[in-house]
């Protein structure tokens, strides 16, 4: 059978051209399917972009949706002996502070040993245990093999036991080593009260310790102590140099002693800059989200009687999901239920551009509103943090939109399902076209061969007639 490239050679008919035309005509049925696939693929990508944009905006909204922002304070000190950080509950004011003692952790040190790797325990004992007891009553027992009785072995065993202390080895000089044990926490209650070795008197004579005894194998090289200070002449003692429970909403960080008989000042002042910055960032995030909405729904006008739309149109032009989100989002920019005098963003200097819908912020007015009544601004923006407040309502809705059962996911699932159906339709249609073209090719080949045979028969008969005619004349 002749190949497709030779179609028509036998018959003289343009069968190859006819087959190409039929193929083109049949494959035209795939074009509208391909266009739909392209459109829905772009739509699927657009929903991913929408989801990402909403997530980014939610981040800025979450930062603003914090009541502590509007009661924010800043701490300044007149001394390098301490610093302070504040939380939303801190109250503006001044405190006179004097630091007379810093908290420190206990350190125990062994006598000098000639090797840090040689076993120090009784070699006739297979195992022994070290019990480490802290002053607060917590205790940890550690079992040691003979190989673990060296300074290195004991260090590793203690550090792996989470006993409330950290062991290390100090090289005093060549051939001279000491085992050091430091409490993990500062303060007298976190000190070691006893180290007792059971089953190995030799090792007990090296690392044994009893805070109540007059002499010990381990020497207390650093005594545990609490931090001591006065705040407004009130004496305070704490096991840590970081004190967060003395002054409400204020954490003190002690680093040195204040000069003798001198008090230093800690000043807590109201700080509206954090709220102002968060509001500005929120406005920027909202406008960026709106810009993304406009990109996804972009429409470019085309000339009258033009068959197709402009290719630069947004993938979600006319999309009901995005339109619903945008409409609902814009409706949440006021809080008529606010118990403060502020009901809308315009009252604090944030207005809406009537042409674009984007927000414009007057930083001076925002700062003035926060200075005048930060609590009132908070009431309008955050509300009760549950059901009222601009950012609270937005947070609830955005979370719903982005949830696994939200409208964005539902729209995404719908597009994915349509794409799967289009893929199936495309494959089915393509297979049918391939089968039809194969059938046409077979039929054309058979036709070409049949006509070729008929032409051969015609030629043969003509020759025979011509020969017979010539014979009759002669």
Protein backbone atom coordinates (compact mmCIF):
# COMPACT_ATOMS: atom_id res chain seq x y z
CA UNK A 1 0.00 0.00 0.00
CA UNK A 2 1.32 3.43 -0.96
CA UNK A 3 2.37 5.82 1.81
CA UNK A 4 0.48 9.05 2.57
CA UNK A 5 3.19 11.07 0.79
CA UNK A 6 2.47 9.16 -2.40
CA UNK A 7 -1.29 9.54 -2.29
CA UNK A 8 -2.67 10.46 -5.74
CA UNK A 9 0.34 9.18 -7.69
CA UNK A 10 -1.57 6.18 -8.98
CA UNK A 11 -4.85 7.96 -9.66
CA UNK A 12 -3.56 11.39 -10.58
CA UNK A 13 -6.05 12.90 -8.13
CA UNK A 14 -4.99 15.49 -5.44
CA UNK A 15 -5.75 13.00 -2.67
CA UNK A 16 -2.87 14.14 -0.41
CA UNK A 17 -4.09 17.73 -0.55
CA UNK A 18 -7.65 16.59 0.10
CA UNK A 19 -6.51 14.58 3.15
CA UNK A 20 -4.58 17.59 4.51
CA UNK A 21 -7.67 19.76 4.10
CA UNK A 22 -9.83 17.21 5.85
CA UNK A 23 -7.28 16.98 8.70
CA UNK A 24 -7.25 20.75 9.13
CA UNK A 25 -11.04 20.89 9.09
CA UNK A 26 -11.37 18.08 11.64
CA UNK A 27 -8.73 19.53 14.00
CA UNK A 28 -10.56 22.83 14.01
CA UNK A 29 -12.93 21.18 16.50
CA UNK A 30 -10.06 21.24 19.03
CA UNK A 31 -9.55 25.01 18.82
CA UNK A 32 -12.52 26.11 20.98
CA UNK A 33 -11.58 23.47 23.55
CA UNK A 34 -7.97 24.71 23.63
CA UNK A 35 -9.17 28.29 24.06
CA UNK A 36 -11.34 27.25 26.99
CA UNK A 37 -8.42 25.37 28.53
CA UNK A 38 -6.22 28.45 28.22
CA UNK A 39 -8.90 30.67 29.77
CA UNK A 40 -9.60 28.34 32.68
CA UNK A 41 -5.88 27.75 33.31
CA UNK A 42 -5.44 31.53 33.55
CA UNK A 43 -8.44 31.65 35.88
CA UNK A 44 -6.93 28.95 38.11
CA UNK A 45 -3.69 30.93 38.31
CA UNK A 46 -5.68 34.10 39.04
CA UNK A 47 -7.43 32.45 42.00
CA UNK A 48 -4.01 31.47 43.37
CA UNK A 49 -2.94 35.10 43.03
CA UNK A 50 -6.15 36.24 44.73
CA UNK A 51 -5.55 33.84 47.60
CA UNK A 52 -1.95 35.01 48.01
CA UNK A 53 -3.02 38.67 47.96
CA UNK A 54 -5.69 38.10 50.59
CA UNK A 55 -3.17 36.27 52.77
CA UNK A 56 -0.72 39.18 52.52
CA UNK A 57 -3.45 41.65 53.45
CA UNK A 58 -4.52 39.42 56.34
CA UNK A 59 -1.00 39.67 57.76
CA UNK A 60 -1.18 43.48 57.88
CA UNK A 61 -4.73 43.30 59.22
CA UNK A 62 -3.69 40.94 62.00
CA UNK A 63 -0.90 43.29 63.11
CA UNK A 64 -3.36 46.18 63.35
CA UNK A 65 -6.00 44.03 65.03
CA UNK A 66 -4.22 44.21 68.40
CA UNK A 67 -5.54 46.17 71.35
CA UNK A 68 -2.02 46.42 72.81
CA UNK A 69 -0.95 48.62 69.89
CA UNK A 70 -3.17 51.42 71.16
CA UNK A 71 -1.84 51.27 74.73
CA UNK A 72 1.77 50.92 73.63
CA UNK A 73 4.46 52.57 75.73
CA UNK A 74 8.19 53.19 75.52
CA UNK A 75 10.72 52.78 78.34
CA UNK A 76 13.77 55.00 78.82
CA UNK A 77 16.29 54.89 81.66
CA UNK A 78 18.84 57.26 83.10
CA UNK A 79 21.23 54.39 83.83
CA UNK A 80 23.20 51.72 81.97
CA UNK A 81 22.73 49.37 84.93
CA UNK A 82 19.33 48.26 83.71
CA UNK A 83 16.99 48.46 80.74
CA UNK A 84 13.30 47.81 80.37
CA UNK A 85 10.72 46.66 77.84
CA UNK A 86 6.99 47.24 78.06
CA UNK A 87 3.79 45.44 77.12
CA UNK A 88 0.38 46.92 76.36
CA UNK A 89 -0.68 46.88 80.01
CA UNK A 90 2.16 49.16 81.17
CA UNK A 91 1.07 52.49 82.62
CA UNK A 92 2.89 55.71 81.83
CA UNK A 93 4.89 57.01 84.79
CA UNK A 94 8.30 57.33 86.48
CA UNK A 95 10.06 54.86 88.79
CA UNK A 96 13.11 55.39 90.99
CA UNK A 97 15.27 52.26 90.82
CA UNK A 98 18.39 51.20 92.71
CA UNK A 99 20.14 47.89 91.96
CA UNK A 100 22.21 46.63 94.88
CA UNK A 101 22.86 43.00 93.87
CA UNK A 102 22.74 40.98 90.64
CA UNK A 103 21.49 37.41 90.51
CA UNK A 104 24.11 34.80 89.78
CA UNK A 105 24.27 31.04 89.30
CA UNK A 106 26.20 28.70 91.62
CA UNK A 107 29.44 27.16 90.29
CA UNK A 108 31.09 24.08 91.88
CA UNK A 109 34.65 23.08 90.98
CA UNK A 110 36.52 19.83 91.62
CA UNK A 111 40.10 19.42 92.77
CA UNK A 112 42.82 19.25 90.10
CA UNK A 113 43.12 15.93 88.23
CA UNK A 114 46.10 14.91 86.11
CA UNK A 115 43.95 13.62 83.25
CA UNK A 116 40.54 14.45 81.85
CA UNK A 117 40.09 11.05 80.22
CA UNK A 118 41.41 8.59 82.83
CA UNK A 119 38.82 6.69 84.91
CA UNK A 120 38.69 8.06 88.45
CA UNK A 121 36.21 5.68 90.06
CA UNK A 122 36.77 2.44 91.96
CA UNK A 123 37.85 -0.05 89.28
CA UNK A 124 36.39 -2.94 91.27
CA UNK A 125 32.87 -1.51 90.97
CA UNK A 126 30.91 -2.16 87.77
CA UNK A 127 28.55 0.78 88.10
CA UNK A 128 27.65 3.58 90.44
CA UNK A 129 25.17 6.44 90.48
CA UNK A 130 25.38 10.17 91.11
CA UNK A 131 22.35 11.88 92.63
CA UNK A 132 22.22 15.65 92.05
CA UNK A 133 19.74 17.48 94.30
CA UNK A 134 18.85 21.17 93.95
CA UNK A 135 17.82 23.45 96.78
CA UNK A 136 14.23 23.50 95.51
CA UNK A 137 14.06 19.72 96.13
CA UNK A 138 14.31 18.46 92.55
CA UNK A 139 16.73 15.55 92.14
CA UNK A 140 18.22 13.54 89.30
CA UNK A 141 20.07 10.21 89.58
CA UNK A 142 22.66 9.37 86.89
CA UNK A 143 24.10 5.85 86.48
CA UNK A 144 27.77 5.68 85.44
CA UNK A 145 29.81 2.79 84.07
CA UNK A 146 33.52 2.56 84.94
CA UNK A 147 34.42 4.22 81.62
CA UNK A 148 32.20 7.19 82.54
CA UNK A 149 34.08 8.06 85.75
CA UNK A 150 36.65 10.23 83.96
CA UNK A 151 36.11 13.99 83.96
CA UNK A 152 35.01 13.81 80.31
CA UNK A 153 32.70 10.86 80.99
CA UNK A 154 31.04 12.55 83.96
CA UNK A 155 30.68 15.80 82.02
CA UNK A 156 28.88 14.10 79.14
CA UNK A 157 26.65 12.01 81.43
CA UNK A 158 25.61 15.04 83.52
CA UNK A 159 24.93 17.22 80.48
CA UNK A 160 22.78 14.50 78.96
CA UNK A 161 20.69 14.01 82.09
CA UNK A 162 18.92 17.39 82.26
CA UNK A 163 19.76 17.63 85.96
CA UNK A 164 19.52 21.42 86.22
CA UNK A 165 23.28 21.95 85.94
CA UNK A 166 25.83 22.10 83.13
CA UNK A 167 29.24 20.44 83.48
CA UNK A 168 32.43 21.52 81.74
CA UNK A 169 36.17 20.85 82.00
CA UNK A 170 38.68 23.59 82.78
CA UNK A 171 42.29 23.05 81.74
CA UNK A 172 44.29 24.79 84.43
CA UNK A 173 47.66 23.97 82.86
CA UNK A 174 49.33 21.08 81.06
CA UNK A 175 48.34 17.93 82.93
CA UNK A 176 45.97 19.77 85.26
CA UNK A 177 42.17 19.63 84.83
CA UNK A 178 39.13 20.53 86.92
CA UNK A 179 35.46 19.55 86.54
CA UNK A 180 33.14 22.56 86.80
CA UNK A 181 29.38 22.35 87.43
CA UNK A 182 27.21 25.45 86.93
CA UNK A 183 23.54 25.79 87.80
CA UNK A 184 21.44 26.42 84.71
CA UNK A 185 19.45 29.14 86.45
CA UNK A 186 20.50 32.03 88.62
CA UNK A 187 19.20 32.48 92.16
CA UNK A 188 19.76 30.79 95.50
CA UNK A 189 16.82 28.38 95.12
CA UNK A 190 18.34 26.95 91.93
CA UNK A 191 21.67 26.05 93.55
CA UNK A 192 22.88 22.48 94.12
CA UNK A 193 22.32 21.40 97.70
CA UNK A 194 23.86 17.94 97.44
CA UNK A 195 25.84 15.64 95.11
CA UNK A 196 26.01 12.08 96.41
CA UNK A 197 27.71 9.11 94.75
CA UNK A 198 26.26 5.71 95.65
CA UNK A 199 28.35 2.56 95.16
CA UNK A 200 31.74 4.24 94.69
CA UNK A 201 33.40 5.93 97.67
CA UNK A 202 36.41 6.84 95.55
CA UNK A 203 34.29 8.93 93.17
CA UNK A 204 32.38 10.40 96.12
CA UNK A 205 35.71 11.75 97.37
CA UNK A 206 36.15 13.56 94.04
CA UNK A 207 32.71 15.02 93.21
CA UNK A 208 30.77 14.76 96.48
CA UNK A 209 29.11 17.93 97.81
CA UNK A 210 26.77 18.82 100.69
CA UNK A 211 25.81 22.47 101.18
CA UNK A 212 25.29 21.83 104.91
CA UNK A 213 28.76 20.29 105.41
CA UNK A 214 31.77 22.25 106.56
CA UNK A 215 34.07 20.73 103.91
CA UNK A 216 33.49 19.11 100.53
CA UNK A 217 35.32 17.48 97.66
CA UNK A 218 33.76 20.05 95.30
CA UNK A 219 34.49 23.68 96.09
CA UNK A 220 31.81 26.35 95.69
CA UNK A 221 33.73 28.84 93.54
CA UNK A 222 30.68 31.04 92.83
CA UNK A 223 27.85 31.38 95.34
CA UNK A 224 24.30 31.46 94.06
CA UNK A 225 22.43 34.65 94.88
CA UNK A 226 19.27 36.55 94.02
CA UNK A 227 19.00 39.96 92.45
CA UNK A 228 18.16 42.76 94.91
CA UNK A 229 16.81 46.18 94.04
CA UNK A 230 14.39 48.85 95.18
CA UNK A 231 11.63 50.39 93.08
CA UNK A 232 10.27 53.61 94.54
CA UNK A 233 11.95 52.56 97.83
CA UNK A 234 10.15 49.19 97.83
CA UNK A 235 12.62 46.31 98.25
CA UNK A 236 12.40 43.55 95.62
CA UNK A 237 14.30 40.26 95.47
CA UNK A 238 14.22 37.94 92.45
CA UNK A 239 16.07 34.81 91.37
CA UNK A 240 16.64 36.27 87.90
CA UNK A 241 18.15 39.44 86.47
CA UNK A 242 15.18 39.59 84.12
CA UNK A 243 12.24 40.61 86.27
CA UNK A 244 8.80 40.61 84.66
CA UNK A 245 6.48 40.30 87.67
CA UNK A 246 7.44 43.31 89.78
CA UNK A 247 5.89 46.10 87.70
CA UNK A 248 2.77 45.39 85.66
CA UNK A 249 3.51 45.30 81.95
CA UNK A 250 7.21 46.10 82.46
CA UNK A 251 10.18 43.73 82.23
CA UNK A 252 13.37 44.90 83.90
CA UNK A 253 16.74 43.63 82.63
CA UNK A 254 19.47 44.13 85.23
CA UNK A 255 23.06 44.26 83.96
CA UNK A 256 25.03 46.08 86.67
CA UNK A 257 24.78 47.73 90.07
CA UNK A 258 23.70 51.34 90.28
CA UNK A 259 26.13 53.74 92.00
CA UNK A 260 26.03 53.51 95.78
CA UNK A 261 23.34 55.62 97.43
CA UNK A 262 22.04 56.74 94.04
CA UNK A 263 18.73 55.94 92.45
CA UNK A 264 18.19 55.97 88.72
CA UNK A 265 15.00 56.79 86.86
CA UNK A 266 12.89 54.56 84.62
CA UNK A 267 10.42 56.60 82.56
CA UNK A 268 7.43 54.99 80.83
CA UNK A 269 5.78 57.19 78.21
CA UNK A 270 2.81 56.72 75.93
CA UNK A 271 3.91 55.70 72.40
CA UNK A 272 1.42 56.08 69.56
CA UNK A 273 4.02 55.58 66.83
CA UNK A 274 3.50 51.80 66.74
CA UNK A 275 -0.24 52.16 66.18
CA UNK A 276 0.34 54.91 63.62
CA UNK A 277 2.82 52.73 61.69
CA UNK A 278 0.48 49.74 61.81
CA UNK A 279 -2.40 51.85 60.47
CA UNK A 280 -0.22 53.17 57.64
CA UNK A 281 0.96 49.65 56.76
CA UNK A 282 -2.65 48.45 56.79
CA UNK A 283 -3.71 51.20 54.37
CA UNK A 284 -0.82 50.30 52.05
CA UNK A 285 -1.79 46.62 52.20
CA UNK A 286 -5.44 47.45 51.47
CA UNK A 287 -4.48 49.56 48.46
CA UNK A 288 -2.16 46.83 47.19
CA UNK A 289 -5.00 44.34 47.47
CA UNK A 290 -7.29 46.71 45.58
CA UNK A 291 -4.65 47.10 42.85
CA UNK A 292 -4.54 43.32 42.53
CA UNK A 293 -8.34 43.21 42.27
CA UNK A 294 -8.15 45.77 39.44
CA UNK A 295 -5.46 43.77 37.62
CA UNK A 296 -7.45 40.55 37.86
CA UNK A 297 -10.62 42.24 36.57
CA UNK A 298 -9.01 44.58 34.02
CA UNK A 299 -11.14 45.38 30.97
CA UNK A 300 -9.82 46.92 27.76
CA UNK A 301 -12.45 48.29 25.42
CA UNK A 302 -12.40 46.94 21.85
CA UNK A 303 -13.80 48.38 18.64
CA UNK A 304 -17.44 47.77 17.79
CA UNK A 305 -18.12 44.55 15.82
CA UNK A 306 -14.80 43.03 16.99
CA UNK A 307 -15.24 39.27 17.40
CA UNK A 308 -12.89 38.76 20.36
CA UNK A 309 -12.03 40.56 23.60
CA UNK A 310 -8.66 42.18 24.25
CA UNK A 311 -6.02 39.64 25.31
CA UNK A 312 -4.88 41.92 28.15
CA UNK A 313 -8.18 41.56 30.03
CA UNK A 314 -7.97 40.18 33.55
CA UNK A 315 -8.57 36.46 34.03
CA UNK A 316 -11.30 37.19 36.61
CA UNK A 317 -13.14 39.85 34.62
CA UNK A 318 -16.80 39.60 35.66
CA UNK A 319 -16.00 36.90 38.25
CA UNK A 320 -18.66 36.71 40.96
CA UNK A 321 -16.28 35.41 43.65
CA UNK A 322 -13.89 38.34 43.43
CA UNK A 323 -16.76 40.81 43.09
CA UNK A 324 -18.36 39.42 46.27
CA UNK A 325 -15.09 39.71 48.22
CA UNK A 326 -14.42 43.26 47.04
CA UNK A 327 -17.96 44.43 47.79
CA UNK A 328 -18.01 42.92 51.26
CA UNK A 329 -14.52 44.21 52.08
CA UNK A 330 -15.44 47.78 51.19
CA UNK A 331 -18.57 47.55 53.33
CA UNK A 332 -16.47 46.81 56.43
CA UNK A 333 -14.52 50.09 56.42
CA UNK A 334 -16.88 51.69 58.93
CA UNK A 335 -17.96 50.73 62.44
CA UNK A 336 -21.30 52.35 63.18
CA UNK A 337 -21.61 50.21 66.33
CA UNK A 338 -18.44 51.70 67.86
CA UNK A 339 -19.07 52.93 71.40
CA UNK A 340 -16.53 55.74 70.88
CA UNK A 341 -17.03 58.98 68.99
CA UNK A 342 -15.12 57.48 66.05
CA UNK A 343 -17.38 55.57 63.62
CA UNK A 344 -15.50 55.79 60.32
CA UNK A 345 -11.90 55.91 59.13
CA UNK A 346 -12.50 59.35 57.63
CA UNK A 347 -12.74 60.78 61.15
CA UNK A 348 -9.10 59.93 61.84
CA UNK A 349 -7.74 61.04 58.46
CA UNK A 350 -8.25 58.00 56.21
CA UNK A 351 -10.47 58.79 53.22
CA UNK A 352 -11.59 56.89 50.13
CA UNK A 353 -10.72 58.09 46.63
CA UNK A 354 -14.08 58.29 44.82
CA UNK A 355 -12.46 57.46 41.48
CA UNK A 356 -10.31 54.45 42.40
CA UNK A 357 -11.72 53.31 45.74
CA UNK A 358 -8.24 53.31 47.23
CA UNK A 359 -7.57 54.75 50.68
CA UNK A 360 -5.69 57.97 51.32
CA UNK A 361 -4.08 58.60 54.70
CA UNK A 362 -3.31 61.90 56.40
CA UNK A 363 -0.56 60.88 58.83
CA UNK A 364 -0.86 64.12 60.78
CA UNK A 365 -4.56 63.60 61.45
CA UNK A 366 -4.02 59.96 62.39
CA UNK A 367 -1.33 60.93 64.93
CA UNK A 368 -3.54 63.69 66.32
CA UNK A 369 -6.47 61.29 66.78
CA UNK A 370 -4.24 58.74 68.55
CA UNK A 371 -2.78 61.43 70.82
CA UNK A 372 -6.24 62.72 71.66
CA UNK A 373 -8.10 59.43 72.16
CA UNK A 374 -6.14 56.25 71.38
CA UNK A 375 -8.75 54.17 73.22
CA UNK A 376 -11.50 55.59 71.00
CA UNK A 377 -9.54 54.83 67.84
CA UNK A 378 -8.92 51.32 69.14
CA UNK A 379 -12.64 50.85 69.82
CA UNK A 380 -13.46 51.73 66.21
CA UNK A 381 -10.67 49.70 64.60
CA UNK A 382 -10.31 46.66 66.88
CA UNK A 383 -13.61 46.71 68.77
CA UNK A 384 -14.01 43.88 71.22
CA UNK A 385 -11.70 41.65 69.19
CA UNK A 386 -14.48 39.10 68.71
CA UNK A 387 -17.38 40.48 66.68
CA UNK A 388 -17.00 44.26 66.54
CA UNK A 389 -14.33 46.48 65.07
CA UNK A 390 -13.20 47.06 61.48
CA UNK A 391 -10.13 44.83 61.58
CA UNK A 392 -11.91 42.19 63.67
CA UNK A 393 -14.72 41.85 61.13
CA UNK A 394 -12.25 41.84 58.24
CA UNK A 395 -10.15 39.16 59.95
CA UNK A 396 -13.20 36.94 60.44
CA UNK A 397 -14.32 37.33 56.83
CA UNK A 398 -10.89 36.89 55.24
CA UNK A 399 -10.34 33.76 57.32
CA UNK A 400 -13.66 32.45 56.05
CA UNK A 401 -12.89 33.31 52.43
CA UNK A 402 -9.54 31.53 52.63
CA UNK A 403 -10.74 28.47 54.55
CA UNK A 404 -10.87 25.02 52.97
CA UNK A 405 -14.62 25.47 52.57
CA UNK A 406 -14.52 29.17 51.68
CA UNK A 407 -15.60 30.81 48.44
CA UNK A 408 -12.06 31.07 47.04
CA UNK A 409 -11.44 27.36 47.45
CA UNK A 410 -14.90 26.55 46.11
CA UNK A 411 -14.22 28.66 43.01
CA UNK A 412 -10.79 27.06 42.60
CA UNK A 413 -12.26 23.57 42.88
CA UNK A 414 -14.90 24.46 40.29
CA UNK A 415 -12.31 25.67 37.80
CA UNK A 416 -10.12 22.60 38.43
CA UNK A 417 -13.09 20.33 37.76
CA UNK A 418 -13.91 22.19 34.54
CA UNK A 419 -10.27 21.90 33.42
CA UNK A 420 -10.33 18.16 34.05
CA UNK A 421 -13.52 17.84 32.01
CA UNK A 422 -11.98 19.91 29.20
CA UNK A 423 -8.89 17.71 29.20
CA UNK A 424 -11.07 14.63 28.90
CA UNK A 425 -13.10 16.25 26.12
CA UNK A 426 -9.95 17.33 24.28
CA UNK A 427 -8.44 13.85 24.46
CA UNK A 428 -11.68 12.19 23.38
CA UNK A 429 -12.12 14.61 20.47
CA UNK A 430 -8.48 14.26 19.43
CA UNK A 431 -8.73 10.46 19.47
CA UNK A 432 -11.89 10.62 17.34
CA UNK A 433 -10.20 12.94 14.84
CA UNK A 434 -7.15 10.68 14.64
CA UNK A 435 -9.43 7.70 13.98
CA UNK A 436 -11.35 9.62 11.29
CA UNK A 437 -8.14 10.76 9.57
CA UNK A 438 -6.79 7.21 9.66
CA UNK A 439 -10.03 5.99 8.09
CA UNK A 440 -9.89 8.71 5.41
CA UNK A 441 -6.30 7.78 4.66
CA UNK A 442 -7.21 4.13 4.25
CA UNK A 443 -10.14 4.98 1.99
CA UNK A 444 -8.06 7.38 -0.10
CA UNK A 445 -5.29 4.80 -0.42
CA UNK A 446 -7.80 2.19 -1.57
CA UNK A 447 -9.31 4.69 -4.02
CA UNK A 448 -5.85 5.58 -5.33
CA UNK A 449 -5.01 1.90 -5.87
CA UNK A 450 -8.39 1.15 -7.48
CA UNK A 451 -8.10 4.02 -9.94
CA UNK A 452 -4.48 3.08 -10.60
CA UNK A 453 -5.61 -0.45 -11.52
CA UNK A 454 -8.40 0.90 -13.70
CA UNK A 455 -5.92 3.18 -15.44
CA UNK A 456 -3.59 0.24 -16.02
CA UNK A 457 -6.48 -1.84 -17.44
CA UNK A 458 -7.52 1.07 -19.65
CA UNK A 459 -3.99 1.43 -20.96
CA UNK A 460 -3.74 -2.28 -21.62
CA UNK A 461 -7.08 -2.41 -23.50
CA UNK A 462 -6.15 0.65 -25.52
CA UNK A 463 -2.92 -1.01 -26.53
CA UNK A 464 -4.78 -4.17 -27.48
CA UNK A 465 -7.30 -2.26 -29.56
CA UNK A 466 -4.50 -0.38 -31.27
CA UNK A 467 -2.67 -3.64 -32.08
CA UNK A 468 -5.84 -5.31 -33.37
CA UNK A 469 -6.62 -2.34 -35.57
CA UNK A 470 -3.15 -2.32 -37.06
CA UNK A 471 -3.36 -6.04 -37.86
CA UNK A 472 -6.70 -5.62 -39.67
CA UNK A 473 -5.34 -2.86 -41.93
CA UNK A 474 -2.37 -4.91 -42.95
